[in-house]
Amino acid sequence: MNGIVDKGTNNYSQTLSIGHASPANIPWRFLGQYKYRILEDGSQTQYRLCIIESSIPPHSDGPVFHFHEMHDEGFYVTKGKVRFHSPGRGHLDASAGDLVTVPIRLPHKFSNPFDEEAVFINTITPGFFVRYFEYLEELIGDGEVLTKEVNMEALKRFATVPLTDDMVKQFEDVFAKDK
C-alpha cells in the first residue's frame, strides 16, 4: 500500500466521476397531466440515489396512498405548495423552500389542491424506484390519464404497497386510538 490509498481503491476511484445535471438541458417527461424529469437516474451512485424534479398542476390529487418497503424519500419544494397526507395524521402543507422526508413504511401521498403549479425535487434512496416512473410512462404514454387502478398496479412492481380505501381507514382508526 502507498499511504492510506490502496491499489484497489485507487483503481476503483479511476472508474468514477462527479455527476452533473443541468435541468435546463433535460426535457420534461409526461405521465398524463403530471410532468417530471430525471436529474439523477442512479447510474452515478450504483442506484443508491435517484433525484427527480416533478411538477403537479393546480387542483391535482397526486398518487394514491402508499408506503415503500425499501426506500426513503425526500421532497424539496421549489415552487408553489405541496400537501402531504398520512392517514390519521392530518396533512402538512409544504411551501417553496421546505423539505419533507418520508421514511420507509410510512403511508403517505401528496397533492396540489392549490391554485398554482407545484414543483419539487424528489430524492429516493436507494434509487431503483426511478424505474417506476419509466414503467408508468410506458403504460399510459403522453396525454393519457393516470388512473388510480393503473397507479396501484404499477406501484406493486416496485417494492411499494398501494393502500385501498379500507386500508387507509384502518390506519386512520389505529392512529385515532393512539391520540
C-alpha atoms as a PDB file:
ATOM      1  CA  MET A   1       0.000   0.000   0.000  1.00  0.00           C
ATOM      2  CA  ASN A   2       1.082   3.520  -0.698  1.00  0.00           C
ATOM      3  CA  GLY A   3      -0.140   5.745   2.156  1.00  0.00           C
ATOM      4  CA  ILE A   4      -3.834   5.396   3.007  1.00  0.00           C
ATOM      5  CA  VAL A   5      -4.974   4.641  -0.544  1.00  0.00           C
ATOM      6  CA  ASP A   6      -4.563   1.019  -1.568  1.00  0.00           C
ATOM      7  CA  LYS A   7      -4.285  -0.153  -5.173  1.00  0.00           C
ATOM      8  CA  GLY A   8      -7.891  -1.408  -5.261  1.00  0.00           C
ATOM      9  CA  THR A   9      -9.308   1.909  -4.050  1.00  0.00           C
ATOM     10  CA  ASN A  10      -7.088   3.812  -6.448  1.00  0.00           C
ATOM     11  CA  ASN A  11      -8.116   1.668  -9.428  1.00  0.00           C
ATOM     12  CA  TYR A  12     -11.809   1.774  -8.494  1.00  0.00           C
ATOM     13  CA  SER A  13     -11.838   5.545  -7.986  1.00  0.00           C
ATOM     14  CA  GLN A  14     -10.492   5.978 -11.512  1.00  0.00           C
ATOM     15  CA  THR A  15     -13.749   4.500 -12.842  1.00  0.00           C
ATOM     16  CA  LEU A  16     -15.840   7.176 -11.076  1.00  0.00           C
ATOM     17  CA  SER A  17     -16.704  10.734 -11.985  1.00  0.00           C
ATOM     18  CA  ILE A  18     -18.603  13.603 -10.427  1.00  0.00           C
ATOM     19  CA  GLY A  19     -22.120  13.600 -11.852  1.00  0.00           C
ATOM     20  CA  HIS A  20     -23.560  16.820 -13.229  1.00  0.00           C
ATOM     21  CA  ALA A  21     -27.068  17.532 -14.456  1.00  0.00           C
ATOM     22  CA  SER A  22     -28.298  20.801 -15.888  1.00  0.00           C
ATOM     23  CA  PRO A  23     -32.111  20.739 -15.626  1.00  0.00           C
ATOM     24  CA  ALA A  24     -32.379  23.236 -18.482  1.00  0.00           C
ATOM     25  CA  ASN A  25     -30.923  20.533 -20.756  1.00  0.00           C
ATOM     26  CA  ILE A  26     -33.159  17.716 -19.514  1.00  0.00           C
ATOM     27  CA  PRO A  27     -36.556  17.563 -21.215  1.00  0.00           C
ATOM     28  CA  TRP A  28     -39.730  17.156 -19.205  1.00  0.00           C
ATOM     29  CA  ARG A  29     -41.433  13.778 -19.495  1.00  0.00           C
ATOM     30  CA  PHE A  30     -45.144  13.297 -19.021  1.00  0.00           C
ATOM     31  CA  LEU A  31     -47.393  10.960 -17.045  1.00  0.00           C
ATOM     32  CA  GLY A  32     -50.816  12.157 -18.046  1.00  0.00           C
ATOM     33  CA  GLN A  33     -51.191  15.633 -16.536  1.00  0.00           C
ATOM     34  CA  TYR A  34     -48.034  15.329 -14.417  1.00  0.00           C
ATOM     35  CA  LYS A  35     -44.579  16.137 -15.686  1.00  0.00           C
ATOM     36  CA  TYR A  36     -41.187  15.089 -14.392  1.00  0.00           C
ATOM     37  CA  ARG A  37     -37.555  14.914 -15.357  1.00  0.00           C
ATOM     38  CA  ILE A  38     -34.911  12.586 -14.043  1.00  0.00           C
ATOM     39  CA  LEU A  39     -31.921  14.569 -12.800  1.00  0.00           C
ATOM     40  CA  GLU A  40     -30.017  11.520 -11.492  1.00  0.00           C
ATOM     41  CA  ASP A  41     -31.157   8.067 -12.577  1.00  0.00           C
ATOM     42  CA  GLY A  42     -28.927   6.223 -10.126  1.00  0.00           C
ATOM     43  CA  SER A  43     -26.254   5.366 -12.661  1.00  0.00           C
ATOM     44  CA  GLN A  44     -23.714   7.634 -10.914  1.00  0.00           C
ATOM     45  CA  THR A  45     -24.396   6.123  -7.466  1.00  0.00           C
ATOM     46  CA  GLN A  46     -24.809   2.412  -8.189  1.00  0.00           C
ATOM     47  CA  TYR A  47     -28.553   3.059  -7.721  1.00  0.00           C
ATOM     48  CA  ARG A  48     -28.176   4.218  -4.121  1.00  0.00           C
ATOM     49  CA  LEU A  49     -29.807   7.566  -5.001  1.00  0.00           C
ATOM     50  CA  CYS A  50     -32.059   8.980  -7.670  1.00  0.00           C
ATOM     51  CA  ILE A  51     -33.256  12.551  -7.988  1.00  0.00           C
ATOM     52  CA  ILE A  52     -36.365  13.591  -9.879  1.00  0.00           C
ATOM     53  CA  GLU A  53     -37.891  17.011 -10.452  1.00  0.00           C
ATOM     54  CA  SER A  54     -41.690  16.877 -10.621  1.00  0.00           C
ATOM     55  CA  SER A  55     -44.418  19.346 -11.451  1.00  0.00           C
ATOM     56  CA  ILE A  56     -48.007  18.938 -10.293  1.00  0.00           C
ATOM     57  CA  PRO A  57     -50.697  21.114 -11.843  1.00  0.00           C
ATOM     58  CA  PRO A  58     -53.128  23.048  -9.643  1.00  0.00           C
ATOM     59  CA  HIS A  59     -56.041  21.113  -8.134  1.00  0.00           C
ATOM     60  CA  SER A  60     -54.426  17.680  -8.676  1.00  0.00           C
ATOM     61  CA  ASP A  61     -54.790  14.669  -6.400  1.00  0.00           C
ATOM     62  CA  GLY A  62     -51.341  13.119  -6.890  1.00  0.00           C
ATOM     63  CA  PRO A  63     -50.680   9.407  -6.358  1.00  0.00           C
ATOM     64  CA  VAL A  64     -52.765   7.016  -4.282  1.00  0.00           C
ATOM     65  CA  PHE A  65     -51.900   6.402  -0.625  1.00  0.00           C
ATOM     66  CA  HIS A  66     -48.955   4.008  -0.460  1.00  0.00           C
ATOM     67  CA  PHE A  67     -45.866   3.092   1.507  1.00  0.00           C
ATOM     68  CA  HIS A  68     -42.471   1.946   0.346  1.00  0.00           C
ATOM     69  CA  GLU A  69     -40.907  -1.296   1.540  1.00  0.00           C
ATOM     70  CA  MET A  70     -37.344  -0.471   0.569  1.00  0.00           C
ATOM     71  CA  HIS A  71     -36.722   3.230   0.078  1.00  0.00           C
ATOM     72  CA  ASP A  72     -36.923   6.586   1.826  1.00  0.00           C
ATOM     73  CA  GLU A  73     -37.986   9.771   0.079  1.00  0.00           C
ATOM     74  CA  GLY A  74     -37.176  13.438   0.397  1.00  0.00           C
ATOM     75  CA  PHE A  75     -39.216  16.234  -1.163  1.00  0.00           C
ATOM     76  CA  TYR A  76     -37.761  19.732  -1.528  1.00  0.00           C
ATOM     77  CA  VAL A  77     -40.440  22.145  -2.737  1.00  0.00           C
ATOM     78  CA  THR A  78     -39.090  24.744  -5.180  1.00  0.00           C
ATOM     79  CA  LYS A  79     -42.316  26.393  -6.364  1.00  0.00           C
ATOM     80  CA  GLY A  80     -45.848  26.670  -5.010  1.00  0.00           C
ATOM     81  CA  LYS A  81     -47.122  24.368  -2.279  1.00  0.00           C
ATOM     82  CA  VAL A  82     -47.480  20.599  -1.970  1.00  0.00           C
ATOM     83  CA  ARG A  83     -49.854  18.982   0.507  1.00  0.00           C
ATOM     84  CA  PHE A  84     -48.542  15.790   2.124  1.00  0.00           C
ATOM     85  CA  HIS A  85     -51.035  13.373   3.662  1.00  0.00           C
ATOM     86  CA  SER A  86     -50.597  10.433   6.031  1.00  0.00           C
ATOM     87  CA  PRO A  87     -53.715   8.523   7.194  1.00  0.00           C
ATOM     88  CA  GLY A  88     -54.847   9.562  10.649  1.00  0.00           C
ATOM     89  CA  ARG A  89     -52.199  12.252  10.941  1.00  0.00           C
ATOM     90  CA  GLY A  90     -53.809  15.109   9.076  1.00  0.00           C
ATOM     91  CA  HIS A  91     -51.864  16.869   6.371  1.00  0.00           C
ATOM     92  CA  LEU A  92     -48.828  19.078   6.041  1.00  0.00           C
ATOM     93  CA  ASP A  93     -48.593  21.934   3.546  1.00  0.00           C
ATOM     94  CA  ALA A  94     -45.010  22.432   2.359  1.00  0.00           C
ATOM     95  CA  SER A  95     -44.127  25.699   0.627  1.00  0.00           C
ATOM     96  CA  ALA A  96     -41.205  26.611  -1.625  1.00  0.00           C
ATOM     97  CA  GLY A  97     -38.021  26.161   0.411  1.00  0.00           C
ATOM     98  CA  ASP A  98     -39.476  23.434   2.661  1.00  0.00           C
ATOM     99  CA  LEU A  99     -38.067  19.908   2.887  1.00  0.00           C
ATOM    100  CA  VAL A 100     -40.268  16.919   3.725  1.00  0.00           C
ATOM    101  CA  THR A 101     -38.874  13.439   4.440  1.00  0.00           C
ATOM    102  CA  VAL A 102     -40.864  10.217   4.321  1.00  0.00           C
ATOM    103  CA  PRO A 103     -39.279   7.106   5.874  1.00  0.00           C
ATOM    104  CA  ILE A 104     -39.787   3.513   4.784  1.00  0.00           C
ATOM    105  CA  ARG A 105     -43.240   2.089   5.629  1.00  0.00           C
ATOM    106  CA  LEU A 106     -44.923   5.427   6.408  1.00  0.00           C
ATOM    107  CA  PRO A 107     -48.234   5.549   4.489  1.00  0.00           C
ATOM    108  CA  HIS A 108     -48.385   8.771   2.504  1.00  0.00           C
ATOM    109  CA  LYS A 109     -49.432  10.591  -0.606  1.00  0.00           C
ATOM    110  CA  PHE A 110     -49.182  14.152  -1.844  1.00  0.00           C
ATOM    111  CA  SER A 111     -51.409  16.507  -3.783  1.00  0.00           C
ATOM    112  CA  ASN A 112     -51.714  20.045  -5.052  1.00  0.00           C
ATOM    113  CA  PRO A 113     -55.136  21.418  -4.032  1.00  0.00           C
ATOM    114  CA  PHE A 114     -53.862  24.973  -4.532  1.00  0.00           C
ATOM    115  CA  ASP A 115     -54.272  27.486  -7.365  1.00  0.00           C
ATOM    116  CA  GLU A 116     -50.733  27.377  -8.756  1.00  0.00           C
ATOM    117  CA  GLU A 117     -48.397  24.747 -10.146  1.00  0.00           C
ATOM    118  CA  ALA A 118     -46.208  22.997  -7.565  1.00  0.00           C
ATOM    119  CA  VAL A 119     -42.657  21.894  -8.336  1.00  0.00           C
ATOM    120  CA  PHE A 120     -40.431  19.768  -6.112  1.00  0.00           C
ATOM    121  CA  ILE A 121     -37.179  17.853  -6.149  1.00  0.00           C
ATOM    122  CA  ASN A 122     -37.690  14.252  -5.016  1.00  0.00           C
ATOM    123  CA  THR A 123     -34.790  12.167  -3.690  1.00  0.00           C
ATOM    124  CA  ILE A 124     -35.205   8.417  -3.465  1.00  0.00           C
ATOM    125  CA  THR A 125     -32.773   6.105  -1.673  1.00  0.00           C
ATOM    126  CA  PRO A 126     -31.970   3.550  -2.870  1.00  0.00           C
ATOM    127  CA  GLY A 127     -32.613   4.773  -6.366  1.00  0.00           C
ATOM    128  CA  PHE A 128     -34.133   1.792  -8.167  1.00  0.00           C
ATOM    129  CA  PHE A 129     -37.628   3.332  -7.782  1.00  0.00           C
ATOM    130  CA  VAL A 130     -36.760   5.608 -10.711  1.00  0.00           C
ATOM    131  CA  ARG A 131     -37.838   2.705 -12.949  1.00  0.00           C
ATOM    132  CA  TYR A 132     -41.403   3.095 -11.631  1.00  0.00           C
ATOM    133  CA  PHE A 133     -41.734   6.398 -13.492  1.00  0.00           C
ATOM    134  CA  GLU A 134     -40.398   4.912 -16.703  1.00  0.00           C
ATOM    135  CA  TYR A 135     -42.723   1.928 -16.320  1.00  0.00           C
ATOM    136  CA  LEU A 136     -45.764   4.182 -15.841  1.00  0.00           C
ATOM    137  CA  GLU A 137     -44.738   6.221 -18.849  1.00  0.00           C
ATOM    138  CA  GLU A 138     -44.760   3.055 -20.946  1.00  0.00           C
ATOM    139  CA  LEU A 139     -48.178   2.053 -19.575  1.00  0.00           C
ATOM    140  CA  ILE A 140     -50.053   5.295 -20.083  1.00  0.00           C
ATOM    141  CA  GLY A 141     -47.996   7.337 -22.509  1.00  0.00           C
ATOM    142  CA  ASP A 142     -48.216  11.063 -23.133  1.00  0.00           C
ATOM    143  CA  GLY A 143     -51.557  12.760 -22.625  1.00  0.00           C
ATOM    144  CA  GLU A 144     -53.374   9.802 -21.089  1.00  0.00           C
ATOM    145  CA  VAL A 145     -54.973   9.957 -17.652  1.00  0.00           C
ATOM    146  CA  LEU A 146     -53.170   8.212 -14.816  1.00  0.00           C
ATOM    147  CA  THR A 147     -55.986   6.281 -13.161  1.00  0.00           C
ATOM    148  CA  LYS A 148     -55.954   5.076  -9.574  1.00  0.00           C
ATOM    149  CA  GLU A 149     -56.094   1.461 -10.786  1.00  0.00           C
ATOM    150  CA  VAL A 150     -53.087   1.790 -13.089  1.00  0.00           C
ATOM    151  CA  ASN A 151     -51.162   3.643 -10.371  1.00  0.00           C
ATOM    152  CA  MET A 152     -51.890   0.912  -7.803  1.00  0.00           C
ATOM    153  CA  GLU A 153     -50.839  -1.915 -10.098  1.00  0.00           C
ATOM    154  CA  ALA A 154     -47.611  -0.173 -11.099  1.00  0.00           C
ATOM    155  CA  LEU A 155     -46.607   0.591  -7.502  1.00  0.00           C
ATOM    156  CA  LYS A 156     -46.753  -3.106  -6.602  1.00  0.00           C
ATOM    157  CA  ARG A 157     -43.948  -3.847  -9.045  1.00  0.00           C
ATOM    158  CA  PHE A 158     -41.511  -1.518  -7.263  1.00  0.00           C
ATOM    159  CA  ALA A 159     -41.451  -2.610  -3.597  1.00  0.00           C
ATOM    160  CA  THR A 160     -44.357  -0.307  -2.811  1.00  0.00           C
ATOM    161  CA  VAL A 161     -47.686  -1.155  -1.193  1.00  0.00           C
ATOM    162  CA  PRO A 162     -50.647   0.804  -2.559  1.00  0.00           C
ATOM    163  CA  LEU A 163     -53.399   1.280   0.011  1.00  0.00           C
ATOM    164  CA  THR A 164     -57.054   0.604  -0.685  1.00  0.00           C
ATOM    165  CA  ASP A 165     -59.671   2.873   0.883  1.00  0.00           C
ATOM    166  CA  ASP A 166     -60.289   0.175   3.524  1.00  0.00           C
ATOM    167  CA  MET A 167     -56.586   0.050   4.401  1.00  0.00           C
ATOM    168  CA  VAL A 168     -56.462   3.853   4.727  1.00  0.00           C
ATOM    169  CA  LYS A 169     -59.454   3.686   7.081  1.00  0.00           C
ATOM    170  CA  GLN A 170     -57.669   1.041   9.189  1.00  0.00           C
ATOM    171  CA  PHE A 171     -54.609   3.293   9.527  1.00  0.00           C
ATOM    172  CA  GLU A 172     -56.838   6.228  10.460  1.00  0.00           C
ATOM    173  CA  ASP A 173     -58.583   4.150  13.136  1.00  0.00           C
ATOM    174  CA  VAL A 174     -55.273   2.959  14.613  1.00  0.00           C
ATOM    175  CA  PHE A 175     -53.841   6.477  14.794  1.00  0.00           C
ATOM    176  CA  ALA A 176     -57.095   7.832  16.258  1.00  0.00           C
ATOM    177  CA  LYS A 177     -56.818   5.320  19.143  1.00  0.00           C
ATOM    178  CA  ASP A 178     -53.254   6.466  19.852  1.00  0.00           C
ATOM    179  CA  LYS A 179     -54.285  10.098  20.316  1.00  0.00           C
END
